[in-house]
Protein backbone atom coordinates (compact mmCIF):
# COMPACT_ATOMS: atom_id res chain seq x y z
CA MET A 1 -70.90 -1.70 80.14
CA THR A 2 -68.08 0.60 81.17
CA ARG A 3 -64.90 0.14 79.22
CA SER A 4 -61.70 -0.07 81.27
CA LYS A 5 -59.16 2.68 80.60
CA ILE A 6 -55.49 2.01 79.90
CA ILE A 7 -53.58 4.42 82.11
CA SER A 8 -49.93 3.72 81.21
CA SER A 9 -47.59 1.49 79.28
CA ALA A 10 -43.97 0.42 79.42
CA SER A 11 -41.58 -0.84 76.80
CA VAL A 12 -39.53 -3.85 77.87
CA LEU A 13 -35.94 -4.27 76.74
CA LEU A 14 -33.85 -7.40 77.26
CA VAL A 15 -30.38 -6.30 78.33
CA SER A 16 -26.98 -7.84 78.97
CA ASP A 17 -26.36 -5.96 82.25
CA VAL A 18 -29.35 -4.41 84.00
CA VAL A 19 -27.28 -2.20 86.32
CA GLU A 20 -25.11 -0.86 83.48
CA SER A 21 -28.16 -0.23 81.28
CA ALA A 22 -30.19 1.45 84.03
CA ASN A 23 -27.29 3.74 84.86
CA TRP A 24 -26.80 4.55 81.15
CA TYR A 25 -30.48 5.51 80.74
CA ARG A 26 -30.19 7.62 83.91
CA ASP A 27 -26.93 9.35 83.00
CA LYS A 28 -27.42 9.76 79.24
CA LEU A 29 -31.20 10.11 78.81
CA GLY A 30 -32.37 11.50 82.15
CA PHE A 31 -34.45 8.53 83.31
CA SER A 32 -34.58 7.61 86.99
CA TYR A 33 -35.17 4.44 88.99
CA ASP A 34 -35.82 3.57 92.63
CA LYS A 35 -34.31 0.12 92.90
CA PHE A 36 -33.21 -3.10 91.25
CA TYR A 37 -35.06 -6.38 91.64
CA GLY A 38 -33.57 -9.85 92.06
CA GLN A 39 -30.41 -11.21 93.68
CA PRO A 40 -28.23 -10.55 91.80
CA PRO A 41 -30.14 -7.66 90.17
CA ASP A 42 -31.90 -8.68 86.94
CA PHE A 43 -34.82 -6.24 86.56
CA CYS A 44 -35.38 -2.48 86.82
CA ILE A 45 -38.16 -0.01 86.03
CA LEU A 46 -37.06 3.40 84.75
CA GLU A 47 -39.18 6.57 84.50
CA ARG A 48 -38.99 9.94 82.83
CA ASP A 49 -41.91 12.36 82.49
CA ASN A 50 -44.40 9.61 83.47
CA PHE A 51 -43.12 7.21 80.77
CA ASN A 52 -41.53 3.92 81.71
CA ILE A 53 -38.97 1.50 80.33
CA MET A 54 -38.53 -1.91 81.95
CA LEU A 55 -35.15 -3.61 81.70
CA SER A 56 -34.81 -7.37 82.10
CA GLN A 57 -31.39 -9.00 82.13
CA VAL A 58 -30.92 -12.10 79.99
CA LYS A 59 -28.61 -15.00 80.76
CA ASP A 60 -27.70 -15.51 77.10
CA THR A 61 -26.80 -12.25 75.34
CA SER A 62 -27.41 -13.89 71.94
CA GLU A 63 -31.10 -13.47 72.81
CA ILE A 64 -30.72 -9.68 72.47
CA LYS A 65 -31.79 -8.62 68.99
CA PRO A 66 -32.58 -4.95 68.32
CA ASN A 67 -35.46 -4.42 65.89
CA TRP A 68 -33.24 -2.73 63.28
CA LYS A 69 -31.43 -6.05 62.84
CA THR A 70 -34.72 -7.59 61.66
CA VAL A 71 -36.38 -4.61 59.93
CA GLU A 72 -34.11 -1.93 58.48
CA LYS A 73 -34.25 1.40 60.36
CA MET A 74 -36.84 0.11 62.89
CA TRP A 75 -36.76 1.40 66.47
CA ASN A 76 -37.33 -0.49 69.69
CA ILE A 77 -38.88 2.55 71.36
CA TYR A 78 -40.22 5.78 69.88
CA PHE A 79 -40.99 8.77 72.12
CA TRP A 80 -42.96 11.78 70.91
CA VAL A 81 -41.63 14.94 72.58
CA ASP A 82 -42.71 18.58 72.77
CA ASP A 83 -39.31 20.03 71.80
CA VAL A 84 -37.16 17.65 69.78
CA GLU A 85 -34.35 20.16 69.30
CA ALA A 86 -34.03 20.75 73.06
CA ILE A 87 -33.93 17.05 73.92
CA TYR A 88 -31.45 16.46 71.08
CA GLU A 89 -29.17 19.11 72.58
CA GLU A 90 -29.64 17.60 76.06
CA PHE A 91 -28.58 14.16 74.83
CA GLN A 92 -25.60 15.53 72.90
CA LYS A 93 -24.38 17.24 76.09
CA SER A 94 -24.85 14.07 78.16
CA GLY A 95 -22.80 12.02 75.70
CA ALA A 96 -25.58 9.73 74.45
CA THR A 97 -24.66 7.82 71.30
CA ILE A 98 -26.58 9.59 68.51
CA ASP A 99 -27.50 6.95 65.94
CA TYR A 100 -28.92 9.39 63.39
CA THR A 101 -29.15 13.15 63.62
CA LEU A 102 -32.19 15.41 63.47
CA TYR A 103 -34.02 15.32 60.17
CA LEU A 104 -37.46 16.00 58.72
CA THR A 105 -39.40 12.81 58.03
CA PRO A 106 -41.75 12.24 55.10
CA TYR A 107 -44.59 11.69 57.61
CA GLY A 108 -44.47 15.21 59.10
CA GLY A 109 -42.06 14.78 61.97
CA LYS A 110 -38.64 15.89 63.01
CA GLU A 111 -36.70 13.13 64.72
CA PHE A 112 -33.39 11.58 65.74
CA GLY A 113 -32.29 8.31 67.28
CA ILE A 114 -29.84 7.05 69.87
CA ASN A 115 -28.25 3.64 70.49
CA ASP A 116 -28.12 2.19 73.98
CA PRO A 117 -25.43 -0.17 75.33
CA ASP A 118 -27.16 -3.24 73.83
CA GLY A 119 -27.63 -1.65 70.39
CA TYR A 120 -31.31 -0.80 70.75
CA ASP A 121 -32.43 2.18 68.71
CA VAL A 122 -34.55 4.66 70.67
CA ALA A 123 -36.02 7.52 68.65
CA PHE A 124 -37.39 10.89 69.69
CA GLY A 125 -39.68 12.86 67.42
CA GLN A 126 -41.95 15.86 67.24
CA VAL A 127 -44.80 16.57 64.82
CA VAL A 128 -43.81 19.67 62.86
CA ARG A 129 -46.45 19.62 60.11
CA SER A 130 -49.73 17.84 59.55
CA ARG A 131 -49.43 14.57 57.70
């Protein structure tokens, strides 16, 4: 029997304002989108370098709970990158909110994190030594 292949994935974030969030990810982190879904808009799919984030607007903003509020220092999304210092510089120039600055992790990576408009922590890391 042939095993089916997973070809992509997307993180889903619940947001308070889908248009504001989509534009923030576009302007601060370099993602793009084609359109909004719903009337009024309540859903959007963003893409950067063949990776996706889906944003879904909630009616009750008390439903938004970033992972770090449940588990200390836990991200909602973690992206591995090929040049963490370059993307860090890119995000500093774009005015993204840097949550924690570049540092060497105990598990062999170099990483940093940003906070989005709803308080989600999104981290970017690069393997710099074998674990």
